[in-house]
PDB file of N, CA and C in Angstrom:
ATOM      1  N   UNK A   1      46.427-167.941  24.247  1.00  0.00           N
ATOM      2  CA  UNK A   1      45.713-167.017  23.177  1.00  0.00           C
ATOM      3  C   UNK A   1      46.918-166.571  22.375  1.00  0.00           C
ATOM      4  N   UNK A   2      47.674-167.356  22.263  1.00  0.00           N
ATOM      5  CA  UNK A   2      48.890-167.428  21.287  1.00  0.00           C
ATOM      6  C   UNK A   2      48.154-167.774  19.917  1.00  0.00           C
ATOM      7  N   UNK A   3      48.383-167.057  19.055  1.00  0.00           N
ATOM      8  CA  UNK A   3      48.213-167.569  17.374  1.00  0.00           C
ATOM      9  C   UNK A   3      48.891-166.627  16.556  1.00  0.00           C
ATOM     10  N   UNK A   4      49.047-167.137  15.270  1.00  0.00           N
ATOM     11  CA  UNK A   4      49.881-166.800  14.311  1.00  0.00           C
ATOM     12  C   UNK A   4      49.386-165.543  13.852  1.00  0.00           C
ATOM     13  N   UNK A   5      47.872-165.232  13.938  1.00  0.00           N
ATOM     14  CA  UNK A   5      47.416-163.806  12.964  1.00  0.00           C
ATOM     15  C   UNK A   5      46.818-162.794  14.282  1.00  0.00           C
ATOM     16  N   UNK A   6      47.381-163.311  15.636  1.00  0.00           N
ATOM     17  CA  UNK A   6      47.036-161.888  16.725  1.00  0.00           C
ATOM     18  C   UNK A   6      48.248-161.447  16.608  1.00  0.00           C
ATOM     19  N   UNK A   7      48.127-160.102  16.999  1.00  0.00           N
ATOM     20  CA  UNK A   7      49.077-158.945  17.280  1.00  0.00           C
ATOM     21  C   UNK A   7      49.663-159.009  18.989  1.00  0.00           C
ATOM     22  N   UNK A   8      48.826-159.188  19.708  1.00  0.00           N
ATOM     23  CA  UNK A   8      49.357-159.501  21.014  1.00  0.00           C
ATOM     24  C   UNK A   8      49.369-160.869  21.254  1.00  0.00           C
ATOM     25  N   UNK A   9      50.623-161.402  22.144  1.00  0.00           N
ATOM     26  CA  UNK A   9      50.720-162.750  22.547  1.00  0.00           C
ATOM     27  C   UNK A   9      50.653-162.711  24.255  1.00  0.00           C
ATOM     28  N   UNK A  10      50.176-163.698  24.591  1.00  0.00           N
ATOM     29  CA  UNK A  10      49.357-163.710  25.884  1.00  0.00           C
ATOM     30  C   UNK A  10      50.446-165.057  26.520  1.00  0.00           C
ATOM     31  N   UNK A  11      51.096-164.989  27.807  1.00  0.00           N
ATOM     32  CA  UNK A  11      51.369-165.996  28.218  1.00  0.00           C
ATOM     33  C   UNK A  11      50.213-166.990  29.084  1.00  0.00           C
ATOM     34  N   UNK A  12      50.410-168.356  29.018  1.00  0.00           N
ATOM     35  CA  UNK A  12      49.412-169.009  29.344  1.00  0.00           C
ATOM     36  C   UNK A  12      49.001-168.272  30.666  1.00  0.00           C
ATOM     37  N   UNK A  13      49.648-167.989  31.679  1.00  0.00           N
ATOM     38  CA  UNK A  13      49.067-167.259  32.967  1.00  0.00           C
ATOM     39  C   UNK A  13      48.432-165.735  32.684  1.00  0.00           C
ATOM     40  N   UNK A  14      48.805-165.212  31.833  1.00  0.00           N
ATOM     41  CA  UNK A  14      47.969-164.084  31.384  1.00  0.00           C
ATOM     42  C   UNK A  14      46.849-164.526  30.731  1.00  0.00           C
ATOM     43  N   UNK A  15      46.734-165.428  29.932  1.00  0.00           N
ATOM     44  CA  UNK A  15      45.532-166.152  29.127  1.00  0.00           C
ATOM     45  C   UNK A  15      44.568-166.750  30.053  1.00  0.00           C
ATOM     46  N   UNK A  16      45.004-167.161  31.120  1.00  0.00           N
ATOM     47  CA  UNK A  16      44.207-167.847  32.108  1.00  0.00           C
ATOM     48  C   UNK A  16      43.565-167.020  32.911  1.00  0.00           C
ATOM     49  N   UNK A  17      44.176-165.601  33.694  1.00  0.00           N
ATOM     50  CA  UNK A  17      44.021-164.426  34.360  1.00  0.00           C
ATOM     51  C   UNK A  17      42.673-163.801  33.452  1.00  0.00           C
ATOM     52  N   UNK A  18      42.873-163.470  31.942  1.00  0.00           N
ATOM     53  CA  UNK A  18      42.059-163.002  31.346  1.00  0.00           C
ATOM     54  C   UNK A  18      40.800-163.604  31.165  1.00  0.00           C
ATOM     55  N   UNK A  19      40.973-164.939  31.026  1.00  0.00           N
ATOM     56  CA  UNK A  19      39.787-165.684  30.932  1.00  0.00           C
ATOM     57  C   UNK A  19      39.128-165.765  32.403  1.00  0.00           C
ATOM     58  N   UNK A  20      39.483-165.789  33.328  1.00  0.00           N
ATOM     59  CA  UNK A  20      39.037-165.586  34.518  1.00  0.00           C
ATOM     60  C   UNK A  20      38.166-164.458  34.727  1.00  0.00           C
ATOM     61  N   UNK A  21      38.711-163.181  34.388  1.00  0.00           N
ATOM     62  CA  UNK A  21      38.217-162.134  34.357  1.00  0.00           C
ATOM     63  C   UNK A  21      36.903-162.006  33.398  1.00  0.00           C
ATOM     64  N   UNK A  22      36.976-162.637  32.379  1.00  0.00           N
ATOM     65  CA  UNK A  22      35.923-162.469  31.281  1.00  0.00           C
ATOM     66  C   UNK A  22      34.635-163.083  32.099  1.00  0.00           C
ATOM     67  N   UNK A  23      35.087-164.402  32.592  1.00  0.00           N
ATOM     68  CA  UNK A  23      34.133-165.241  33.105  1.00  0.00           C
ATOM     69  C   UNK A  23      33.502-164.633  34.249  1.00  0.00           C
ATOM     70  N   UNK A  24      33.799-163.759  34.973  1.00  0.00           N
ATOM     71  CA  UNK A  24      33.682-162.909  36.021  1.00  0.00           C
ATOM     72  C   UNK A  24      32.415-162.035  35.281  1.00  0.00           C
ATOM     73  N   UNK A  25      32.914-161.326  34.520  1.00  0.00           N
ATOM     74  CA  UNK A  25      32.013-159.889  33.674  1.00  0.00           C
ATOM     75  C   UNK A  25      30.783-160.815  33.218  1.00  0.00           C
ATOM     76  N   UNK A  26      31.013-161.816  32.401  1.00  0.00           N
ATOM     77  CA  UNK A  26      29.722-162.414  31.953  1.00  0.00           C
ATOM     78  C   UNK A  26      28.877-163.117  33.105  1.00  0.00           C
ATOM     79  N   UNK A  27      29.228-163.697  34.105  1.00  0.00           N
ATOM     80  CA  UNK A  27      28.390-163.794  35.492  1.00  0.00           C
ATOM     81  C   UNK A  27      27.763-162.979  35.551  1.00  0.00           C
ATOM     82  N   UNK A  28      28.241-161.436  35.780  1.00  0.00           N
ATOM     83  CA  UNK A  28      27.699-160.540  36.414  1.00  0.00           C
ATOM     84  C   UNK A  28      26.612-160.004  35.243  1.00  0.00           C
ATOM     85  N   UNK A  29      26.947-159.929  34.290  1.00  0.00           N
ATOM     86  CA  UNK A  29      26.164-159.065  33.218  1.00  0.00           C
ATOM     87  C   UNK A  29      25.488-160.185  32.195  1.00  0.00           C
ATOM     88  N   UNK A  30      25.652-161.439  32.314  1.00  0.00           N
ATOM     89  CA  UNK A  30      25.188-162.455  31.492  1.00  0.00           C
ATOM     90  C   UNK A  30      23.553-162.704  32.002  1.00  0.00           C
ATOM     91  N   UNK A  31      23.025-163.201  30.810  1.00  0.00           N
ATOM     92  CA  UNK A  31      21.436-163.495  30.769  1.00  0.00           C
ATOM     93  C   UNK A  31      20.773-162.679  30.051  1.00  0.00           C
ATOM     94  N   UNK A  32      19.481-162.896  29.821  1.00  0.00           N
ATOM     95  CA  UNK A  32      18.718-162.152  28.835  1.00  0.00           C
ATOM     96  C   UNK A  32      18.565-160.655  29.128  1.00  0.00           C
ATOM     97  N   UNK A  33      18.456-160.432  30.612  1.00  0.00           N
ATOM     98  CA  UNK A  33      17.807-159.388  31.022  1.00  0.00           C
ATOM     99  C   UNK A  33      18.586-158.422  31.390  1.00  0.00           C
ATOM    100  N   UNK A  34      19.798-158.832  32.095  1.00  0.00           N
ATOM    101  CA  UNK A  34      20.827-157.425  32.577  1.00  0.00           C
ATOM    102  C   UNK A  34      21.254-156.442  31.780  1.00  0.00           C
ATOM    103  N   UNK A  35      21.670-156.466  30.693  1.00  0.00           N
ATOM    104  CA  UNK A  35      22.208-155.659  30.029  1.00  0.00           C
ATOM    105  C   UNK A  35      20.926-154.747  29.522  1.00  0.00           C
ATOM    106  N   UNK A  36      19.881-155.238  29.333  1.00  0.00           N
ATOM    107  CA  UNK A  36      18.802-154.507  28.771  1.00  0.00           C
ATOM    108  C   UNK A  36      18.245-153.596  29.868  1.00  0.00           C
ATOM    109  N   UNK A  37      17.924-154.079  31.270  1.00  0.00           N
ATOM    110  CA  UNK A  37      17.902-153.590  32.197  1.00  0.00           C
ATOM    111  C   UNK A  37      18.680-152.212  32.384  1.00  0.00           C
ATOM    112  N   UNK A  38      19.971-152.550  32.279  1.00  0.00           N
ATOM    113  CA  UNK A  38      20.697-151.539  32.575  1.00  0.00           C
ATOM    114  C   UNK A  38      20.928-150.274  31.710  1.00  0.00           C
ATOM    115  N   UNK A  39      20.684-150.729  30.044  1.00  0.00           N
ATOM    116  CA  UNK A  39      20.129-149.738  29.299  1.00  0.00           C
ATOM    117  C   UNK A  39      19.103-148.976  29.313  1.00  0.00           C
ATOM    118  N   UNK A  40      18.148-149.504  30.018  1.00  0.00           N
ATOM    119  CA  UNK A  40      16.738-149.052  30.371  1.00  0.00           C
ATOM    120  C   UNK A  40      16.885-147.678  31.510  1.00  0.00           C
ATOM    121  N   UNK A  41      17.725-148.044  32.630  1.00  0.00           N
ATOM    122  CA  UNK A  41      18.050-147.292  33.358  1.00  0.00           C
ATOM    123  C   UNK A  41      18.667-146.044  32.851  1.00  0.00           C
ATOM    124  N   UNK A  42      19.925-146.404  32.215  1.00  0.00           N
ATOM    125  CA  UNK A  42      20.790-145.365  31.902  1.00  0.00           C
ATOM    126  C   UNK A  42      19.918-144.355  30.599  1.00  0.00           C
ATOM    127  N   UNK A  43      18.993-144.840  30.564  1.00  0.00           N
ATOM    128  CA  UNK A  43      18.057-144.255  29.328  1.00  0.00           C
ATOM    129  C   UNK A  43      17.105-143.370  29.903  1.00  0.00           C
ATOM    130  N   UNK A  44      16.663-143.665  31.261  1.00  0.00           N
ATOM    131  CA  UNK A  44      16.093-142.736  31.945  1.00  0.00           C
ATOM    132  C   UNK A  44      14.672-143.366  32.302  1.00  0.00           C
ATOM    133  N   UNK A  45      14.689-144.631  32.399  1.00  0.00           N
ATOM    134  CA  UNK A  45      13.482-145.437  33.071  1.00  0.00           C
ATOM    135  C   UNK A  45      13.878-145.909  34.478  1.00  0.00           C
ATOM    136  N   UNK A  46      13.097-145.146  35.711  1.00  0.00           N
ATOM    137  CA  UNK A  46      13.607-145.348  36.814  1.00  0.00           C
ATOM    138  C   UNK A  46      12.742-146.113  37.872  1.00  0.00           C
ATOM    139  N   UNK A  47      11.175-146.152  37.492  1.00  0.00           N
ATOM    140  CA  UNK A  47      10.622-146.539  38.121  1.00  0.00           C
ATOM    141  C   UNK A  47      10.393-147.994  37.799  1.00  0.00           C
ATOM    142  N   UNK A  48       9.679-148.757  38.611  1.00  0.00           N
ATOM    143  CA  UNK A  48       9.760-150.221  38.104  1.00  0.00           C
ATOM    144  C   UNK A  48       8.665-150.579  37.051  1.00  0.00           C
ATOM    145  N   UNK A  49       7.724-149.971  36.758  1.00  0.00           N
ATOM    146  CA  UNK A  49       6.387-150.024  35.523  1.00  0.00           C
ATOM    147  C   UNK A  49       7.347-149.698  34.458  1.00  0.00           C
ATOM    148  N   UNK A  50       8.087-148.299  34.559  1.00  0.00           N
ATOM    149  CA  UNK A  50       8.520-148.114  33.399  1.00  0.00           C
ATOM    150  C   UNK A  50       9.527-148.936  33.079  1.00  0.00           C
ATOM    151  N   UNK A  51      10.546-149.360  34.038  1.00  0.00           N
ATOM    152  CA  UNK A  51      11.357-150.226  33.375  1.00  0.00           C
ATOM    153  C   UNK A  51      10.771-151.551  32.748  1.00  0.00           C
ATOM    154  N   UNK A  52       9.891-152.026  33.560  1.00  0.00           N
ATOM    155  CA  UNK A  52       8.938-153.090  32.772  1.00  0.00           C
ATOM    156  C   UNK A  52       8.697-153.011  31.280  1.00  0.00           C
ATOM    157  N   UNK A  53       8.002-151.587  30.993  1.00  0.00           N
ATOM    158  CA  UNK A  53       7.549-151.264  29.684  1.00  0.00           C
ATOM    159  C   UNK A  53       8.575-151.351  28.966  1.00  0.00           C
ATOM    160  N   UNK A  54       9.771-150.788  29.290  1.00  0.00           N
ATOM    161  CA  UNK A  54      11.010-150.588  28.482  1.00  0.00           C
ATOM    162  C   UNK A  54      11.658-151.974  27.850  1.00  0.00           C
ATOM    163  N   UNK A  55      11.673-152.640  29.013  1.00  0.00           N
ATOM    164  CA  UNK A  55      12.112-154.082  28.699  1.00  0.00           C
ATOM    165  C   UNK A  55      11.432-154.999  28.336  1.00  0.00           C
ATOM    166  N   UNK A  56      10.623-154.875  27.084  1.00  0.00           N
ATOM    167  CA  UNK A  56       9.887-155.799  26.524  1.00  0.00           C
ATOM    168  C   UNK A  56       9.977-157.328  26.846  1.00  0.00           C
ATOM    169  N   UNK A  57       8.738-158.086  27.220  1.00  0.00           N
ATOM    170  CA  UNK A  57       8.554-159.230  27.816  1.00  0.00           C
ATOM    171  C   UNK A  57       9.104-159.936  28.886  1.00  0.00           C
ATOM    172  N   UNK A  58       9.876-158.774  29.746  1.00  0.00           N
ATOM    173  CA  UNK A  58      10.093-159.433  31.069  1.00  0.00           C
ATOM    174  C   UNK A  58       8.884-159.275  32.193  1.00  0.00           C
ATOM    175  N   UNK A  59       9.013-160.650  32.820  1.00  0.00           N
ATOM    176  CA  UNK A  59       7.788-160.288  33.821  1.00  0.00           C
ATOM    177  C   UNK A  59       8.347-159.623  35.098  1.00  0.00           C
ATOM    178  N   UNK A  60       7.486-158.950  36.147  1.00  0.00           N
ATOM    179  CA  UNK A  60       7.400-158.566  37.292  1.00  0.00           C
ATOM    180  C   UNK A  60       8.549-159.392  37.976  1.00  0.00           C
ATOM    181  N   UNK A  61       8.198-160.537  38.215  1.00  0.00           N
ATOM    182  CA  UNK A  61       9.038-161.418  38.958  1.00  0.00           C
ATOM    183  C   UNK A  61      10.616-161.513  38.844  1.00  0.00           C
ATOM    184  N   UNK A  62      10.635-161.525  37.596  1.00  0.00           N
ATOM    185  CA  UNK A  62      12.196-161.575  36.847  1.00  0.00           C
ATOM    186  C   UNK A  62      12.631-160.274  36.992  1.00  0.00           C
ATOM    187  N   UNK A  63      12.091-159.215  36.646  1.00  0.00           N
ATOM    188  CA  UNK A  63      12.514-157.815  36.855  1.00  0.00           C
ATOM    189  C   UNK A  63      12.920-157.768  38.400  1.00  0.00           C
ATOM    190  N   UNK A  64      12.291-157.818  39.123  1.00  0.00           N
ATOM    191  CA  UNK A  64      12.478-157.569  40.483  1.00  0.00           C
ATOM    192  C   UNK A  64      13.814-158.601  40.955  1.00  0.00           C
ATOM    193  N   UNK A  65      13.791-159.779  40.605  1.00  0.00           N
ATOM    194  CA  UNK A  65      15.064-160.737  41.031  1.00  0.00           C
ATOM    195  C   UNK A  65      16.058-159.888  40.429  1.00  0.00           C
ATOM    196  N   UNK A  66      16.310-159.796  39.143  1.00  0.00           N
ATOM    197  CA  UNK A  66      17.170-159.133  38.385  1.00  0.00           C
ATOM    198  C   UNK A  66      18.021-157.668  39.063  1.00  0.00           C
ATOM    199  N   UNK A  67      16.900-156.756  39.290  1.00  0.00           N
ATOM    200  CA  UNK A  67      17.143-155.681  40.085  1.00  0.00           C
ATOM    201  C   UNK A  67      17.955-155.574  41.355  1.00  0.00           C
ATOM    202  N   UNK A  68      17.585-156.909  42.181  1.00  0.00           N
ATOM    203  CA  UNK A  68      18.393-157.319  43.341  1.00  0.00           C
ATOM    204  C   UNK A  68      19.616-157.672  43.047  1.00  0.00           C
ATOM    205  N   UNK A  69      19.863-158.731  41.957  1.00  0.00           N
ATOM    206  CA  UNK A  69      21.082-158.932  41.726  1.00  0.00           C
ATOM    207  C   UNK A  69      22.056-157.793  41.063  1.00  0.00           C
ATOM    208  N   UNK A  70      21.514-156.743  40.471  1.00  0.00           N
ATOM    209  CA  UNK A  70      22.274-155.768  39.955  1.00  0.00           C
ATOM    210  C   UNK A  70      22.457-154.711  40.995  1.00  0.00           C
ATOM    211  N   UNK A  71      21.452-154.680  42.047  1.00  0.00           N
ATOM    212  CA  UNK A  71      21.727-153.912  43.169  1.00  0.00           C
ATOM    213  C   UNK A  71      23.133-154.717  44.155  1.00  0.00           C
ATOM    214  N   UNK A  72      23.049-155.678  44.139  1.00  0.00           N
ATOM    215  CA  UNK A  72      23.985-156.693  44.738  1.00  0.00           C
ATOM    216  C   UNK A  72      25.579-156.173  44.194  1.00  0.00           C
ATOM    217  N   UNK A  73      25.751-156.315  43.165  1.00  0.00           N
ATOM    218  CA  UNK A  73      26.576-156.227  42.354  1.00  0.00           C
ATOM    219  C   UNK A  73      27.090-154.575  42.076  1.00  0.00           C
ATOM    220  N   UNK A  74      26.403-153.825  42.562  1.00  0.00           N
ATOM    221  CA  UNK A  74      26.770-152.294  42.669  1.00  0.00           C
ATOM    222  C   UNK A  74      26.437-151.504  41.511  1.00  0.00           C
ATOM    223  N   UNK A  75      25.529-152.053  40.732  1.00  0.00           N
ATOM    224  CA  UNK A  75      25.170-151.325  39.185  1.00  0.00           C
ATOM    225  C   UNK A  75      23.987-150.790  39.265  1.00  0.00           C
ATOM    226  N   UNK A  76      23.286-150.778  40.395  1.00  0.00           N
ATOM    227  CA  UNK A  76      21.708-150.245  40.588  1.00  0.00           C
ATOM    228  C   UNK A  76      21.705-149.902  42.103  1.00  0.00           C
ATOM    229  N   UNK A  77      21.246-148.802  41.930  1.00  0.00           N
ATOM    230  CA  UNK A  77      20.942-148.228  42.896  1.00  0.00           C
ATOM    231  C   UNK A  77      19.515-148.079  43.775  1.00  0.00           C
ATOM    232  N   UNK A  78      18.828-148.689  44.785  1.00  0.00           N
ATOM    233  CA  UNK A  78      17.095-148.408  45.146  1.00  0.00           C
ATOM    234  C   UNK A  78      17.016-147.314  45.799  1.00  0.00           C
ATOM    235  N   UNK A  79      16.203-146.544  45.516  1.00  0.00           N
ATOM    236  CA  UNK A  79      16.125-145.009  46.207  1.00  0.00           C
ATOM    237  C   UNK A  79      14.793-145.353  46.664  1.00  0.00           C
ATOM    238  N   UNK A  80      14.413-144.916  47.804  1.00  0.00           N
ATOM    239  CA  UNK A  80      12.847-144.901  48.555  1.00  0.00           C
ATOM    240  C   UNK A  80      12.490-143.550  49.024  1.00  0.00           C
ATOM    241  N   UNK A  81      11.417-142.829  48.428  1.00  0.00           N
ATOM    242  CA  UNK A  81      11.178-141.728  48.854  1.00  0.00           C
ATOM    243  C   UNK A  81       9.529-141.869  49.681  1.00  0.00           C
ATOM    244  N   UNK A  82       9.856-142.129  51.075  1.00  0.00           N
ATOM    245  CA  UNK A  82       8.454-142.677  51.872  1.00  0.00           C
ATOM    246  C   UNK A  82       7.906-141.347  52.464  1.00  0.00           C
ATOM    247  N   UNK A  83       8.239-140.129  51.941  1.00  0.00           N
ATOM    248  CA  UNK A  83       7.562-138.879  52.270  1.00  0.00           C
ATOM    249  C   UNK A  83       6.173-138.230  51.580  1.00  0.00           C
ATOM    250  N   UNK A  84       6.387-139.208  50.470  1.00  0.00           N
ATOM    251  CA  UNK A  84       5.199-139.063  49.621  1.00  0.00           C
ATOM    252  C   UNK A  84       4.461-140.229  49.440  1.00  0.00           C
ATOM    253  N   UNK A  85       3.231-139.960  49.108  1.00  0.00           N
ATOM    254  CA  UNK A  85       2.114-141.088  49.141  1.00  0.00           C
ATOM    255  C   UNK A  85       1.541-141.157  47.717  1.00  0.00           C
ATOM    256  N   UNK A  86       1.526-142.402  47.060  1.00  0.00           N
ATOM    257  CA  UNK A  86       2.229-143.489  47.316  1.00  0.00           C
ATOM    258  C   UNK A  86       3.785-143.363  47.229  1.00  0.00           C
ATOM    259  N   UNK A  87       4.300-144.515  48.257  1.00  0.00           N
ATOM    260  CA  UNK A  87       6.007-144.563  48.231  1.00  0.00           C
ATOM    261  C   UNK A  87       6.419-144.656  46.731  1.00  0.00           C
ATOM    262  N   UNK A  88       7.589-143.523  46.851  1.00  0.00           N
ATOM    263  CA  UNK A  88       8.071-143.737  45.239  1.00  0.00           C
ATOM    264  C   UNK A  88       9.469-144.495  45.537  1.00  0.00           C
ATOM    265  N   UNK A  89       9.680-145.467  44.841  1.00  0.00           N
ATOM    266  CA  UNK A  89      10.806-146.391  44.658  1.00  0.00           C
ATOM    267  C   UNK A  89      11.357-146.342  43.233  1.00  0.00           C
ATOM    268  N   UNK A  90      12.652-145.698  43.204  1.00  0.00           N
ATOM    269  CA  UNK A  90      13.411-145.473  42.008  1.00  0.00           C
ATOM    270  C   UNK A  90      14.498-146.373  41.945  1.00  0.00           C
ATOM    271  N   UNK A  91      14.783-146.890  40.773  1.00  0.00           N
ATOM    272  CA  UNK A  91      16.095-147.932  40.378  1.00  0.00           C
ATOM    273  C   UNK A  91      16.995-146.719  39.697  1.00  0.00           C
ATOM    274  N   UNK A  92      18.063-146.358  40.044  1.00  0.00           N
ATOM    275  CA  UNK A  92      19.036-145.489  39.428  1.00  0.00           C
ATOM    276  C   UNK A  92      20.148-146.280  39.260  1.00  0.00           C
ATOM    277  N   UNK A  93      20.658-146.026  37.751  1.00  0.00           N
ATOM    278  CA  UNK A  93      22.228-147.011  37.554  1.00  0.00           C
ATOM    279  C   UNK A  93      23.342-145.958  38.548  1.00  0.00           C
ATOM    280  N   UNK A  94      23.704-146.650  38.672  1.00  0.00           N
ATOM    281  CA  UNK A  94      25.229-146.084  39.770  1.00  0.00           C
ATOM    282  C   UNK A  94      26.313-145.567  38.783  1.00  0.00           C
ATOM    283  N   UNK A  95      27.194-144.768  39.274  1.00  0.00           N
ATOM    284  CA  UNK A  95      28.695-144.177  38.414  1.00  0.00           C
ATOM    285  C   UNK A  95      29.241-145.484  37.755  1.00  0.00           C
ATOM    286  N   UNK A  96      29.169-146.622  38.894  1.00  0.00           N
ATOM    287  CA  UNK A  96      29.909-147.662  38.070  1.00  0.00           C
ATOM    288  C   UNK A  96      29.108-148.472  37.247  1.00  0.00           C
ATOM    289  N   UNK A  97      27.801-148.329  36.663  1.00  0.00           N
ATOM    290  CA  UNK A  97      26.973-148.934  35.862  1.00  0.00           C
ATOM    291  C   UNK A  97      27.356-148.043  34.689  1.00  0.00           C
ATOM    292  N   UNK A  98      27.812-146.899  34.471  1.00  0.00           N
ATOM    293  CA  UNK A  98      28.354-146.002  33.605  1.00  0.00           C
ATOM    294  C   UNK A  98      29.592-146.542  32.927  1.00  0.00           C
ATOM    295  N   UNK A  99      30.195-147.117  33.691  1.00  0.00           N
ATOM    296  CA  UNK A  99      31.530-147.899  33.216  1.00  0.00           C
ATOM    297  C   UNK A  99      31.403-148.977  32.203  1.00  0.00           C
ATOM    298  N   UNK A 100      30.000-149.356  31.878  1.00  0.00           N
ATOM    299  CA  UNK A 100      29.679-150.294  30.786  1.00  0.00           C
ATOM    300  C   UNK A 100      29.425-149.848  29.700  1.00  0.00           C
ATOM    301  N   UNK A 101      29.306-148.350  29.340  1.00  0.00           N
ATOM    302  CA  UNK A 101      29.056-147.904  28.148  1.00  0.00           C
ATOM    303  C   UNK A 101      30.007-148.195  27.041  1.00  0.00           C
ATOM    304  N   UNK A 102      31.081-148.368  27.309  1.00  0.00           N
ATOM    305  CA  UNK A 102      32.576-148.842  26.366  1.00  0.00           C
ATOM    306  C   UNK A 102      32.317-150.054  25.998  1.00  0.00           C
ATOM    307  N   UNK A 103      32.057-151.012  27.055  1.00  0.00           N
ATOM    308  CA  UNK A 103      31.888-152.384  26.826  1.00  0.00           C
ATOM    309  C   UNK A 103      30.716-152.900  26.073  1.00  0.00           C
ATOM    310  N   UNK A 104      29.535-152.397  26.538  1.00  0.00           N
ATOM    311  CA  UNK A 104      28.507-152.533  25.359  1.00  0.00           C
ATOM    312  C   UNK A 104      28.574-151.878  24.264  1.00  0.00           C
ATOM    313  N   UNK A 105      29.322-150.888  23.871  1.00  0.00           N
ATOM    314  CA  UNK A 105      29.467-150.275  22.437  1.00  0.00           C
ATOM    315  C   UNK A 105      30.284-151.204  21.884  1.00  0.00           C
ATOM    316  N   UNK A 106      31.455-151.754  22.530  1.00  0.00           N
ATOM    317  CA  UNK A 106      32.256-152.539  21.843  1.00  0.00           C
ATOM    318  C   UNK A 106      31.579-153.880  21.277  1.00  0.00           C
ATOM    319  N   UNK A 107      30.861-154.431  22.386  1.00  0.00           N
ATOM    320  CA  UNK A 107      30.027-155.842  22.160  1.00  0.00           C
ATOM    321  C   UNK A 107      29.191-155.566  21.058  1.00  0.00           C
ATOM    322  N   UNK A 108      28.588-154.261  20.803  1.00  0.00           N
ATOM    323  CA  UNK A 108      27.494-153.832  19.872  1.00  0.00           C
ATOM    324  C   UNK A 108      28.509-154.069  18.355  1.00  0.00           C
ATOM    325  N   UNK A 109      29.487-153.298  18.577  1.00  0.00           N
ATOM    326  CA  UNK A 109      30.039-153.438  16.964  1.00  0.00           C
ATOM    327  C   UNK A 109      30.575-154.591  16.676  1.00  0.00           C
ATOM    328  N   UNK A 110      31.220-155.449  17.708  1.00  0.00           N
ATOM    329  CA  UNK A 110      31.351-156.946  17.394  1.00  0.00           C
ATOM    330  C   UNK A 110      30.195-157.649  16.872  1.00  0.00           C
ATOM    331  N   UNK A 111      28.885-157.345  17.469  1.00  0.00           N
ATOM    332  CA  UNK A 111      27.913-158.362  16.944  1.00  0.00           C
ATOM    333  C   UNK A 111      27.443-157.591  15.456  1.00  0.00           C
ATOM    334  N   UNK A 112      27.797-156.300  15.092  1.00  0.00           N
ATOM    335  CA  UNK A 112      27.205-156.064  14.076  1.00  0.00           C
ATOM    336  C   UNK A 112      28.079-156.816  12.956  1.00  0.00           C
ATOM    337  N   UNK A 113      29.479-156.764  13.178  1.00  0.00           N
ATOM    338  CA  UNK A 113      30.903-157.337  12.211  1.00  0.00           C
ATOM    339  C   UNK A 113      30.578-158.861  12.284  1.00  0.00           C
ATOM    340  N   UNK A 114      29.892-159.357  13.571  1.00  0.00           N
ATOM    341  CA  UNK A 114      29.757-160.889  13.262  1.00  0.00           C
ATOM    342  C   UNK A 114      28.530-161.353  12.251  1.00  0.00           C
ATOM    343  N   UNK A 115      27.497-160.753  12.798  1.00  0.00           N
ATOM    344  CA  UNK A 115      26.570-160.834  11.975  1.00  0.00           C
ATOM    345  C   UNK A 115      26.684-160.589  10.128  1.00  0.00           C
ATOM    346  N   UNK A 116      27.625-159.338  10.310  1.00  0.00           N
ATOM    347  CA  UNK A 116      27.685-159.535   8.681  1.00  0.00           C
ATOM    348  C   UNK A 116      28.605-160.629   8.224  1.00  0.00           C
ATOM    349  N   UNK A 117      29.732-161.005   8.970  1.00  0.00           N
ATOM    350  CA  UNK A 117      30.272-162.248   8.620  1.00  0.00           C
ATOM    351  C   UNK A 117      29.622-163.529   8.391  1.00  0.00           C
ATOM    352  N   UNK A 118      28.916-163.350   9.206  1.00  0.00           N
ATOM    353  CA  UNK A 118      27.953-164.992   9.085  1.00  0.00           C
ATOM    354  C   UNK A 118      26.932-164.886   7.895  1.00  0.00           C
ATOM    355  N   UNK A 119      26.279-163.952   7.881  1.00  0.00           N
ATOM    356  CA  UNK A 119      25.276-163.809   6.801  1.00  0.00           C
ATOM    357  C   UNK A 119      25.849-163.837   5.404  1.00  0.00           C
ATOM    358  N   UNK A 120      27.426-163.097   5.261  1.00  0.00           N
ATOM    359  CA  UNK A 120      27.893-163.217   4.041  1.00  0.00           C
ATOM    360  C   UNK A 120      28.395-164.555   3.580  1.00  0.00           C
ATOM    361  N   UNK A 121      28.753-165.464   4.524  1.00  0.00           N
ATOM    362  CA  UNK A 121      29.095-166.740   4.337  1.00  0.00           C
ATOM    363  C   UNK A 121      28.037-167.861   4.019  1.00  0.00           C
ATOM    364  N   UNK A 122      26.459-167.190   3.973  1.00  0.00           N
ATOM    365  CA  UNK A 122      25.418-168.037   3.832  1.00  0.00           C
ATOM    366  C   UNK A 122      25.403-168.248   2.356  1.00  0.00           C
TER     367      UNK A 122
END
């Protein structure tokens, strides 16, 4: 990541380690739906049908699969209340999911700037 215009210079090892960590993050959060689901959860949508309505275009099968993956990665907690009928199942963001706020904000800012840059070059 060395370059003439960069303020920080990384060694090859630091750059490789950084790239590996970024690849890990993209693996966990990548795809069309994961960040949308997390945003829906943090916004207060906790029941399956609520999440599906909040995440436009997602099918129940895909939502179910994505929620399982997010749960395996510690970003979602599945809460079942079987004392009421029908059984109430909620999907709640974990404290760990809350750590994504800064990342999502930074990605959003980068996306806005990128779009401005690209559209100004056309």
